Amino acid sequence: MTQFEQALQAAEMGTLSTPIVSTSKGNIDYFGYQLAVHEFNLKIMSKGMTCRGIKLKDLKGYYGLKGKSAGDCLIQFQSLVESYKARFKNN
């Protein structure tokens, strides 16, 4: 089980308190926000650029991604995002 999956499970069980992410239209899901930001970072990294404060190694470890480059990991990450959206579609 990856660290991301562990965090999801802990949040569902109530043992992990997630921060509130507020927008002008109301609060949004923290994990959805986290996935969107990390997808943005991976897209930038796949173009050969760096992101301040985030490393590919950290993303690979947290989400359980495999591959040498950010482009390899981006494909896996996008399928993870789609499965998350399908799982929490009604929330």
PDB file of N, CA and C in Angstrom:
ATOM      1  N   MET A   1       0.854  -1.171   0.000  1.00  0.00           N
ATOM      2  CA  MET A   1       0.000   0.000   0.000  1.00  0.00           C
ATOM      3  C   MET A   1       0.903   1.238   0.000  1.00  0.00           C
ATOM      4  N   THR A   2       0.639   2.173  -0.912  1.00  0.00           N
ATOM      5  CA  THR A   2       1.456   3.379  -1.004  1.00  0.00           C
ATOM      6  C   THR A   2       1.112   4.358   0.111  1.00  0.00           C
ATOM      7  N   GLN A   3       1.949   5.348   0.290  1.00  0.00           N
ATOM      8  CA  GLN A   3       1.693   6.363   1.306  1.00  0.00           C
ATOM      9  C   GLN A   3       0.413   7.121   0.997  1.00  0.00           C
ATOM     10  N   PHE A   4       0.138   7.350  -0.279  1.00  0.00           N
ATOM     11  CA  PHE A   4      -1.091   8.033  -0.681  1.00  0.00           C
ATOM     12  C   PHE A   4      -2.313   7.211  -0.292  1.00  0.00           C
ATOM     13  N   GLU A   5      -2.273   5.920  -0.571  1.00  0.00           N
ATOM     14  CA  GLU A   5      -3.381   5.038  -0.207  1.00  0.00           C
ATOM     15  C   GLU A   5      -3.560   4.956   1.304  1.00  0.00           C
ATOM     16  N   GLN A   6      -2.463   4.969   2.031  1.00  0.00           N
ATOM     17  CA  GLN A   6      -2.534   4.963   3.489  1.00  0.00           C
ATOM     18  C   GLN A   6      -3.182   6.248   4.007  1.00  0.00           C
ATOM     19  N   ALA A   7      -2.835   7.378   3.394  1.00  0.00           N
ATOM     20  CA  ALA A   7      -3.421   8.656   3.798  1.00  0.00           C
ATOM     21  C   ALA A   7      -4.915   8.677   3.505  1.00  0.00           C
ATOM     22  N   LEU A   8      -5.321   8.164   2.341  1.00  0.00           N
ATOM     23  CA  LEU A   8      -6.746   8.091   2.006  1.00  0.00           C
ATOM     24  C   LEU A   8      -7.502   7.235   3.021  1.00  0.00           C
ATOM     25  N   GLN A   9      -6.926   6.103   3.335  1.00  0.00           N
ATOM     26  CA  GLN A   9      -7.559   5.187   4.275  1.00  0.00           C
ATOM     27  C   GLN A   9      -7.662   5.823   5.667  1.00  0.00           C
ATOM     28  N   ALA A  10      -6.612   6.488   6.103  1.00  0.00           N
ATOM     29  CA  ALA A  10      -6.622   7.134   7.417  1.00  0.00           C
ATOM     30  C   ALA A  10      -7.647   8.266   7.461  1.00  0.00           C
ATOM     31  N   ALA A  11      -7.793   8.993   6.367  1.00  0.00           N
ATOM     32  CA  ALA A  11      -8.786  10.072   6.315  1.00  0.00           C
ATOM     33  C   ALA A  11     -10.202   9.503   6.362  1.00  0.00           C
ATOM     34  N   GLU A  12     -10.421   8.386   5.675  1.00  0.00           N
ATOM     35  CA  GLU A  12     -11.742   7.753   5.690  1.00  0.00           C
ATOM     36  C   GLU A  12     -12.088   7.219   7.081  1.00  0.00           C
ATOM     37  N   MET A  13     -11.086   6.711   7.783  1.00  0.00           N
ATOM     38  CA  MET A  13     -11.309   6.164   9.116  1.00  0.00           C
ATOM     39  C   MET A  13     -11.394   7.267  10.178  1.00  0.00           C
ATOM     40  N   GLY A  14     -10.982   8.468   9.828  1.00  0.00           N
ATOM     41  CA  GLY A  14     -11.042   9.579  10.765  1.00  0.00           C
ATOM     42  C   GLY A  14      -9.798   9.761  11.608  1.00  0.00           C
ATOM     43  N   THR A  15      -8.744   9.008  11.309  1.00  0.00           N
ATOM     44  CA  THR A  15      -7.512   9.148  12.083  1.00  0.00           C
ATOM     45  C   THR A  15      -6.579  10.205  11.502  1.00  0.00           C
ATOM     46  N   LEU A  16      -6.870  10.702  10.309  1.00  0.00           N
ATOM     47  CA  LEU A  16      -6.076  11.754   9.677  1.00  0.00           C
ATOM     48  C   LEU A  16      -6.987  12.938   9.399  1.00  0.00           C
ATOM     49  N   SER A  17      -6.604  14.072   9.911  1.00  0.00           N
ATOM     50  CA  SER A  17      -7.366  15.294   9.674  1.00  0.00           C
ATOM     51  C   SER A  17      -6.735  16.042   8.506  1.00  0.00           C
ATOM     52  N   THR A  18      -7.465  16.180   7.418  1.00  0.00           N
ATOM     53  CA  THR A  18      -6.932  16.862   6.241  1.00  0.00           C
ATOM     54  C   THR A  18      -7.239  18.353   6.313  1.00  0.00           C
ATOM     55  N   PRO A  19      -6.364  19.174   5.747  1.00  0.00           N
ATOM     56  CA  PRO A  19      -6.615  20.610   5.752  1.00  0.00           C
ATOM     57  C   PRO A  19      -7.819  20.968   4.889  1.00  0.00           C
ATOM     58  N   ILE A  20      -8.405  22.108   5.160  1.00  0.00           N
ATOM     59  CA  ILE A  20      -9.520  22.610   4.357  1.00  0.00           C
ATOM     60  C   ILE A  20      -8.942  23.438   3.228  1.00  0.00           C
ATOM     61  N   VAL A  21      -9.344  23.134   1.998  1.00  0.00           N
ATOM     62  CA  VAL A  21      -8.900  23.891   0.837  1.00  0.00           C
ATOM     63  C   VAL A  21     -10.091  24.724   0.374  1.00  0.00           C
ATOM     64  N   SER A  22      -9.976  26.035   0.534  1.00  0.00           N
ATOM     65  CA  SER A  22     -11.077  26.940   0.213  1.00  0.00           C
ATOM     66  C   SER A  22     -10.842  27.634  -1.119  1.00  0.00           C
ATOM     67  N   THR A  23     -11.912  27.770  -1.876  1.00  0.00           N
ATOM     68  CA  THR A  23     -11.889  28.540  -3.114  1.00  0.00           C
ATOM     69  C   THR A  23     -13.019  29.558  -3.048  1.00  0.00           C
ATOM     70  N   SER A  24     -13.136  30.358  -4.071  1.00  0.00           N
ATOM     71  CA  SER A  24     -14.209  31.350  -4.090  1.00  0.00           C
ATOM     72  C   SER A  24     -15.586  30.698  -4.206  1.00  0.00           C
ATOM     73  N   LYS A  25     -15.626  29.466  -4.678  1.00  0.00           N
ATOM     74  CA  LYS A  25     -16.894  28.765  -4.832  1.00  0.00           C
ATOM     75  C   LYS A  25     -17.163  27.777  -3.704  1.00  0.00           C
ATOM     76  N   GLY A  26     -16.310  27.747  -2.688  1.00  0.00           N
ATOM     77  CA  GLY A  26     -16.507  26.847  -1.564  1.00  0.00           C
ATOM     78  C   GLY A  26     -15.316  25.932  -1.362  1.00  0.00           C
ATOM     79  N   ASN A  27     -15.436  25.036  -0.419  1.00  0.00           N
ATOM     80  CA  ASN A  27     -14.356  24.089  -0.102  1.00  0.00           C
ATOM     81  C   ASN A  27     -14.296  22.967  -1.127  1.00  0.00           C
ATOM     82  N   ILE A  28     -13.076  22.505  -1.382  1.00  0.00           N
ATOM     83  CA  ILE A  28     -12.884  21.384  -2.299  1.00  0.00           C
ATOM     84  C   ILE A  28     -12.138  20.270  -1.572  1.00  0.00           C
ATOM     85  N   ASP A  29     -12.167  19.096  -2.146  1.00  0.00           N
ATOM     86  CA  ASP A  29     -11.522  17.913  -1.586  1.00  0.00           C
ATOM     87  C   ASP A  29     -10.010  18.111  -1.540  1.00  0.00           C
ATOM     88  N   TYR A  30      -9.411  17.865  -0.395  1.00  0.00           N
ATOM     89  CA  TYR A  30      -7.967  18.050  -0.228  1.00  0.00           C
ATOM     90  C   TYR A  30      -7.169  17.118  -1.136  1.00  0.00           C
ATOM     91  N   PHE A  31      -7.540  15.855  -1.194  1.00  0.00           N
ATOM     92  CA  PHE A  31      -6.774  14.907  -1.999  1.00  0.00           C
ATOM     93  C   PHE A  31      -6.925  15.196  -3.491  1.00  0.00           C
ATOM     94  N   GLY A  32      -8.081  15.660  -3.906  1.00  0.00           N
ATOM     95  CA  GLY A  32      -8.260  16.071  -5.294  1.00  0.00           C
ATOM     96  C   GLY A  32      -7.369  17.247  -5.642  1.00  0.00           C
ATOM     97  N   TYR A  33      -7.272  18.195  -4.723  1.00  0.00           N
ATOM     98  CA  TYR A  33      -6.392  19.343  -4.909  1.00  0.00           C
ATOM     99  C   TYR A  33      -4.935  18.892  -4.983  1.00  0.00           C
ATOM    100  N   GLN A  34      -4.553  18.006  -4.077  1.00  0.00           N
ATOM    101  CA  GLN A  34      -3.188  17.495  -4.041  1.00  0.00           C
ATOM    102  C   GLN A  34      -2.837  16.790  -5.361  1.00  0.00           C
ATOM    103  N   LEU A  35      -3.751  15.980  -5.868  1.00  0.00           N
ATOM    104  CA  LEU A  35      -3.517  15.286  -7.134  1.00  0.00           C
ATOM    105  C   LEU A  35      -3.384  16.274  -8.288  1.00  0.00           C
ATOM    106  N   ALA A  36      -4.208  17.312  -8.303  1.00  0.00           N
ATOM    107  CA  ALA A  36      -4.151  18.303  -9.377  1.00  0.00           C
ATOM    108  C   ALA A  36      -2.817  19.047  -9.374  1.00  0.00           C
ATOM    109  N   VAL A  37      -2.350  19.421  -8.205  1.00  0.00           N
ATOM    110  CA  VAL A  37      -1.070  20.131  -8.100  1.00  0.00           C
ATOM    111  C   VAL A  37       0.085  19.228  -8.513  1.00  0.00           C
ATOM    112  N   HIS A  38       0.066  17.989  -8.072  1.00  0.00           N
ATOM    113  CA  HIS A  38       1.154  17.078  -8.413  1.00  0.00           C
ATOM    114  C   HIS A  38       1.121  16.689  -9.895  1.00  0.00           C
ATOM    115  N   GLU A  39      -0.062  16.621 -10.474  1.00  0.00           N
ATOM    116  CA  GLU A  39      -0.143  16.359 -11.914  1.00  0.00           C
ATOM    117  C   GLU A  39       0.463  17.530 -12.687  1.00  0.00           C
ATOM    118  N   PHE A  40       0.165  18.746 -12.254  1.00  0.00           N
ATOM    119  CA  PHE A  40       0.747  19.938 -12.863  1.00  0.00           C
ATOM    120  C   PHE A  40       2.275  19.885 -12.773  1.00  0.00           C
ATOM    121  N   ASN A  41       2.788  19.547 -11.595  1.00  0.00           N
ATOM    122  CA  ASN A  41       4.237  19.461 -11.413  1.00  0.00           C
ATOM    123  C   ASN A  41       4.864  18.387 -12.295  1.00  0.00           C
ATOM    124  N   LEU A  42       4.224  17.235 -12.390  1.00  0.00           N
ATOM    125  CA  LEU A  42       4.757  16.159 -13.242  1.00  0.00           C
ATOM    126  C   LEU A  42       4.752  16.554 -14.716  1.00  0.00           C
ATOM    127  N   LYS A  43       3.750  17.282 -15.141  1.00  0.00           N
ATOM    128  CA  LYS A  43       3.712  17.742 -16.539  1.00  0.00           C
ATOM    129  C   LYS A  43       4.872  18.688 -16.823  1.00  0.00           C
ATOM    130  N   ILE A  44       5.165  19.575 -15.883  1.00  0.00           N
ATOM    131  CA  ILE A  44       6.298  20.487 -16.046  1.00  0.00           C
ATOM    132  C   ILE A  44       7.608  19.701 -16.068  1.00  0.00           C
ATOM    133  N   MET A  45       7.738  18.744 -15.145  1.00  0.00           N
ATOM    134  CA  MET A  45       8.955  17.938 -15.083  1.00  0.00           C
ATOM    135  C   MET A  45       9.140  17.106 -16.348  1.00  0.00           C
ATOM    136  N   SER A  46       8.042  16.638 -16.936  1.00  0.00           N
ATOM    137  CA  SER A  46       8.148  15.817 -18.147  1.00  0.00           C
ATOM    138  C   SER A  46       8.630  16.637 -19.336  1.00  0.00           C
ATOM    139  N   LYS A  47       8.514  17.956 -19.256  1.00  0.00           N
ATOM    140  CA  LYS A  47       9.022  18.843 -20.310  1.00  0.00           C
ATOM    141  C   LYS A  47      10.480  19.208 -20.089  1.00  0.00           C
ATOM    142  N   GLY A  48      11.080  18.712 -18.986  1.00  0.00           N
ATOM    143  CA  GLY A  48      12.485  18.952 -18.718  1.00  0.00           C
ATOM    144  C   GLY A  48      12.755  20.099 -17.766  1.00  0.00           C
ATOM    145  N   MET A  49      11.714  20.667 -17.205  1.00  0.00           N
ATOM    146  CA  MET A  49      11.882  21.778 -16.269  1.00  0.00           C
ATOM    147  C   MET A  49      11.842  21.243 -14.837  1.00  0.00           C
ATOM    148  N   THR A  50      12.282  22.069 -13.898  1.00  0.00           N
ATOM    149  CA  THR A  50      12.246  21.673 -12.500  1.00  0.00           C
ATOM    150  C   THR A  50      11.167  22.462 -11.773  1.00  0.00           C
ATOM    151  N   CYS A  51      10.727  21.928 -10.669  1.00  0.00           N
ATOM    152  CA  CYS A  51       9.737  22.586  -9.821  1.00  0.00           C
ATOM    153  C   CYS A  51      10.373  22.839  -8.468  1.00  0.00           C
ATOM    154  N   ARG A  52      10.206  24.019  -7.990  1.00  0.00           N
ATOM    155  CA  ARG A  52      10.795  24.390  -6.706  1.00  0.00           C
ATOM    156  C   ARG A  52      10.090  23.639  -5.562  1.00  0.00           C
ATOM    157  N   GLY A  53      10.890  23.033  -4.718  1.00  0.00           N
ATOM    158  CA  GLY A  53      10.354  22.396  -3.526  1.00  0.00           C
ATOM    159  C   GLY A  53       9.773  21.013  -3.726  1.00  0.00           C
ATOM    160  N   ILE A  54       9.871  20.458  -4.929  1.00  0.00           N
ATOM    161  CA  ILE A  54       9.328  19.120  -5.157  1.00  0.00           C
ATOM    162  C   ILE A  54      10.282  18.340  -6.054  1.00  0.00           C
ATOM    163  N   LYS A  55      10.467  17.070  -5.715  1.00  0.00           N
ATOM    164  CA  LYS A  55      11.381  16.224  -6.473  1.00  0.00           C
ATOM    165  C   LYS A  55      10.617  15.025  -7.009  1.00  0.00           C
ATOM    166  N   LEU A  56      11.047  14.556  -8.157  1.00  0.00           N
ATOM    167  CA  LEU A  56      10.421  13.383  -8.763  1.00  0.00           C
ATOM    168  C   LEU A  56      10.518  12.180  -7.834  1.00  0.00           C
ATOM    169  N   LYS A  57      11.641  12.040  -7.156  1.00  0.00           N
ATOM    170  CA  LYS A  57      11.831  10.920  -6.234  1.00  0.00           C
ATOM    171  C   LYS A  57      10.762  10.921  -5.140  1.00  0.00           C
ATOM    172  N   ASP A  58      10.423  12.094  -4.630  1.00  0.00           N
ATOM    173  CA  ASP A  58       9.401  12.194  -3.584  1.00  0.00           C
ATOM    174  C   ASP A  58       8.028  11.781  -4.110  1.00  0.00           C
ATOM    175  N   LEU A  59       7.682  12.231  -5.309  1.00  0.00           N
ATOM    176  CA  LEU A  59       6.391  11.862  -5.904  1.00  0.00           C
ATOM    177  C   LEU A  59       6.326  10.369  -6.179  1.00  0.00           C
ATOM    178  N   LYS A  60       7.426   9.818  -6.687  1.00  0.00           N
ATOM    179  CA  LYS A  60       7.458   8.384  -6.971  1.00  0.00           C
ATOM    180  C   LYS A  60       7.272   7.576  -5.694  1.00  0.00           C
ATOM    181  N   GLY A  61       7.906   8.010  -4.606  1.00  0.00           N
ATOM    182  CA  GLY A  61       7.787   7.299  -3.346  1.00  0.00           C
ATOM    183  C   GLY A  61       6.398   7.397  -2.742  1.00  0.00           C
ATOM    184  N   TYR A  62       5.790   8.579  -2.823  1.00  0.00           N
ATOM    185  CA  TYR A  62       4.482   8.809  -2.209  1.00  0.00           C
ATOM    186  C   TYR A  62       3.361   8.081  -2.946  1.00  0.00           C
ATOM    187  N   TYR A  63       3.422   8.106  -4.265  1.00  0.00           N
ATOM    188  CA  TYR A  63       2.351   7.494  -5.063  1.00  0.00           C
ATOM    189  C   TYR A  63       2.686   6.097  -5.570  1.00  0.00           C
ATOM    190  N   GLY A  64       3.908   5.622  -5.358  1.00  0.00           N
ATOM    191  CA  GLY A  64       4.292   4.291  -5.812  1.00  0.00           C
ATOM    192  C   GLY A  64       4.487   4.215  -7.315  1.00  0.00           C
ATOM    193  N   LEU A  65       4.982   5.280  -7.908  1.00  0.00           N
ATOM    194  CA  LEU A  65       5.191   5.330  -9.353  1.00  0.00           C
ATOM    195  C   LEU A  65       6.510   4.665  -9.718  1.00  0.00           C
ATOM    196  N   LYS A  66       6.566   4.076 -10.899  1.00  0.00           N
ATOM    197  CA  LYS A  66       7.769   3.419 -11.389  1.00  0.00           C
ATOM    198  C   LYS A  66       8.189   4.082 -12.695  1.00  0.00           C
ATOM    199  N   GLY A  67       9.477   4.158 -12.927  1.00  0.00           N
ATOM    200  CA  GLY A  67       9.997   4.726 -14.161  1.00  0.00           C
ATOM    201  C   GLY A  67      11.192   5.608 -13.896  1.00  0.00           C
ATOM    202  N   LYS A  68      11.948   5.875 -14.970  1.00  0.00           N
ATOM    203  CA  LYS A  68      13.153   6.685 -14.836  1.00  0.00           C
ATOM    204  C   LYS A  68      12.881   8.167 -15.014  1.00  0.00           C
ATOM    205  N   SER A  69      11.904   8.494 -15.838  1.00  0.00           N
ATOM    206  CA  SER A  69      11.665   9.900 -16.142  1.00  0.00           C
ATOM    207  C   SER A  69      10.278  10.332 -15.664  1.00  0.00           C
ATOM    208  N   ALA A  70      10.095  11.639 -15.630  1.00  0.00           N
ATOM    209  CA  ALA A  70       8.795  12.182 -15.237  1.00  0.00           C
ATOM    210  C   ALA A  70       7.728  11.814 -16.270  1.00  0.00           C
ATOM    211  N   GLY A  71       8.118  11.700 -17.524  1.00  0.00           N
ATOM    212  CA  GLY A  71       7.170  11.305 -18.566  1.00  0.00           C
ATOM    213  C   GLY A  71       6.637   9.901 -18.352  1.00  0.00           C
ATOM    214  N   ASP A  72       7.523   8.996 -17.939  1.00  0.00           N
ATOM    215  CA  ASP A  72       7.102   7.625 -17.629  1.00  0.00           C
ATOM    216  C   ASP A  72       6.117   7.620 -16.463  1.00  0.00           C
ATOM    217  N   CYS A  73       6.421   8.410 -15.447  1.00  0.00           N
ATOM    218  CA  CYS A  73       5.584   8.453 -14.246  1.00  0.00           C
ATOM    219  C   CYS A  73       4.264   9.184 -14.500  1.00  0.00           C
ATOM    220  N   LEU A  74       4.273  10.151 -15.416  1.00  0.00           N
ATOM    221  CA  LEU A  74       3.066  10.934 -15.698  1.00  0.00           C
ATOM    222  C   LEU A  74       1.937  10.045 -16.211  1.00  0.00           C
ATOM    223  N   ILE A  75       2.247   9.100 -17.054  1.00  0.00           N
ATOM    224  CA  ILE A  75       1.231   8.194 -17.596  1.00  0.00           C
ATOM    225  C   ILE A  75       0.591   7.384 -16.470  1.00  0.00           C
ATOM    226  N   GLN A  76       1.409   6.858 -15.576  1.00  0.00           N
ATOM    227  CA  GLN A  76       0.893   6.101 -14.435  1.00  0.00           C
ATOM    228  C   GLN A  76       0.079   7.001 -13.513  1.00  0.00           C
ATOM    229  N   PHE A  77       0.574   8.222 -13.319  1.00  0.00           N
ATOM    230  CA  PHE A  77      -0.090   9.151 -12.410  1.00  0.00           C
ATOM    231  C   PHE A  77      -1.463   9.544 -12.943  1.00  0.00           C
ATOM    232  N   GLN A  78      -1.567   9.761 -14.236  1.00  0.00           N
ATOM    233  CA  GLN A  78      -2.858  10.128 -14.818  1.00  0.00           C
ATOM    234  C   GLN A  78      -3.875   9.005 -14.674  1.00  0.00           C
ATOM    235  N   SER A  79      -3.445   7.759 -14.739  1.00  0.00           N
ATOM    236  CA  SER A  79      -4.381   6.661 -14.505  1.00  0.00           C
ATOM    237  C   SER A  79      -4.785   6.613 -13.027  1.00  0.00           C
ATOM    238  N   LEU A  80      -3.871   6.972 -12.130  1.00  0.00           N
ATOM    239  CA  LEU A  80      -4.189   7.051 -10.710  1.00  0.00           C
ATOM    240  C   LEU A  80      -5.228   8.146 -10.456  1.00  0.00           C
ATOM    241  N   VAL A  81      -5.071   9.275 -11.117  1.00  0.00           N
ATOM    242  CA  VAL A  81      -6.020  10.383 -10.978  1.00  0.00           C
ATOM    243  C   VAL A  81      -7.400   9.959 -11.468  1.00  0.00           C
ATOM    244  N   GLU A  82      -7.458   9.278 -12.600  1.00  0.00           N
ATOM    245  CA  GLU A  82      -8.741   8.822 -13.142  1.00  0.00           C
ATOM    246  C   GLU A  82      -9.416   7.818 -12.208  1.00  0.00           C
ATOM    247  N   SER A  83      -8.632   6.924 -11.622  1.00  0.00           N
ATOM    248  CA  SER A  83      -9.227   5.964 -10.691  1.00  0.00           C
ATOM    249  C   SER A  83      -9.714   6.665  -9.426  1.00  0.00           C
ATOM    250  N   TYR A  84      -9.017   7.704  -8.990  1.00  0.00           N
ATOM    251  CA  TYR A  84      -9.467   8.484  -7.831  1.00  0.00           C
ATOM    252  C   TYR A  84     -10.777   9.199  -8.140  1.00  0.00           C
ATOM    253  N   LYS A  85     -10.849   9.793  -9.332  1.00  0.00           N
ATOM    254  CA  LYS A  85     -12.086  10.489  -9.731  1.00  0.00           C
ATOM    255  C   LYS A  85     -13.258   9.512  -9.792  1.00  0.00           C
ATOM    256  N   ALA A  86     -13.024   8.334 -10.331  1.00  0.00           N
ATOM    257  CA  ALA A  86     -14.099   7.339 -10.418  1.00  0.00           C
ATOM    258  C   ALA A  86     -14.523   6.858  -9.036  1.00  0.00           C
ATOM    259  N   ARG A  87     -13.587   6.719  -8.139  1.00  0.00           N
ATOM    260  CA  ARG A  87     -13.881   6.231  -6.793  1.00  0.00           C
ATOM    261  C   ARG A  87     -14.679   7.247  -5.974  1.00  0.00           C
ATOM    262  N   PHE A  88     -14.353   8.509  -6.127  1.00  0.00           N
ATOM    263  CA  PHE A  88     -14.984   9.548  -5.319  1.00  0.00           C
ATOM    264  C   PHE A  88     -15.840  10.486  -6.171  1.00  0.00           C
ATOM    265  N   LYS A  89     -16.444   9.958  -7.195  1.00  0.00           N
ATOM    266  CA  LYS A  89     -17.244  10.767  -8.121  1.00  0.00           C
ATOM    267  C   LYS A  89     -18.421  11.446  -7.428  1.00  0.00           C
ATOM    268  N   ASN A  90     -19.054  10.780  -6.511  1.00  0.00           N
ATOM    269  CA  ASN A  90     -20.254  11.337  -5.858  1.00  0.00           C
ATOM    270  C   ASN A  90     -19.930  12.228  -4.682  1.00  0.00           C
ATOM    271  N   ASN A  91     -18.677  12.262  -4.235  1.00  0.00           N
ATOM    272  CA  ASN A  91     -18.309  13.085  -3.072  1.00  0.00           C
ATOM    273  C   ASN A  91     -17.956  14.485  -3.458  1.00  0.00           C
TER     274      ASN A  91
END
